[in-house]
Amino acid sequence: RPRPGGVAGEVMPSPSFAKSLKQGEFRWTPLMLNVLPRVAQEVDEVIRRYKDLLSDLNHFDGEMRHGNPDYDPRLRQELVDQVNSVKDAIKARMQELEGFYFEHQNDGRAILFEKQ
């Protein structure tokens, strides 16, 4: 069932996950076979967040190279810390997903992992 604001047939991450992602925390949906579409959407959201942070960091570095007087190294470090936090969260989730898949690989519902 789509969440408000979603496209019909699209599974959206839970509102609490979206909020935790914006705060730099990761409250992943517990891994269960009946919530795999939500899990996949969460992974997509985190990857988008990671790419956005990398883009922000690259933009920030470009501004620094061009001598922008508003450049603040503390802000850059905050971006680096956020990038590293997301990267660590992705690595940890990948390990969880891999273990979950191997545990349930004989269940037809786990085929979503093969497609992802």
Foldseek 3Di string as FASTA:
>chain_A
DDDPPDDVPQHAADPVQVVCVVVLHGPADPDDLVCVSNNVNSLVVLVVVLVVLVVVLVVLVVCVVVPPVPRDVVVSVVSVVSNVSSVVVSVVVVVVLVVVCVVCVVPPSSCVVVVD
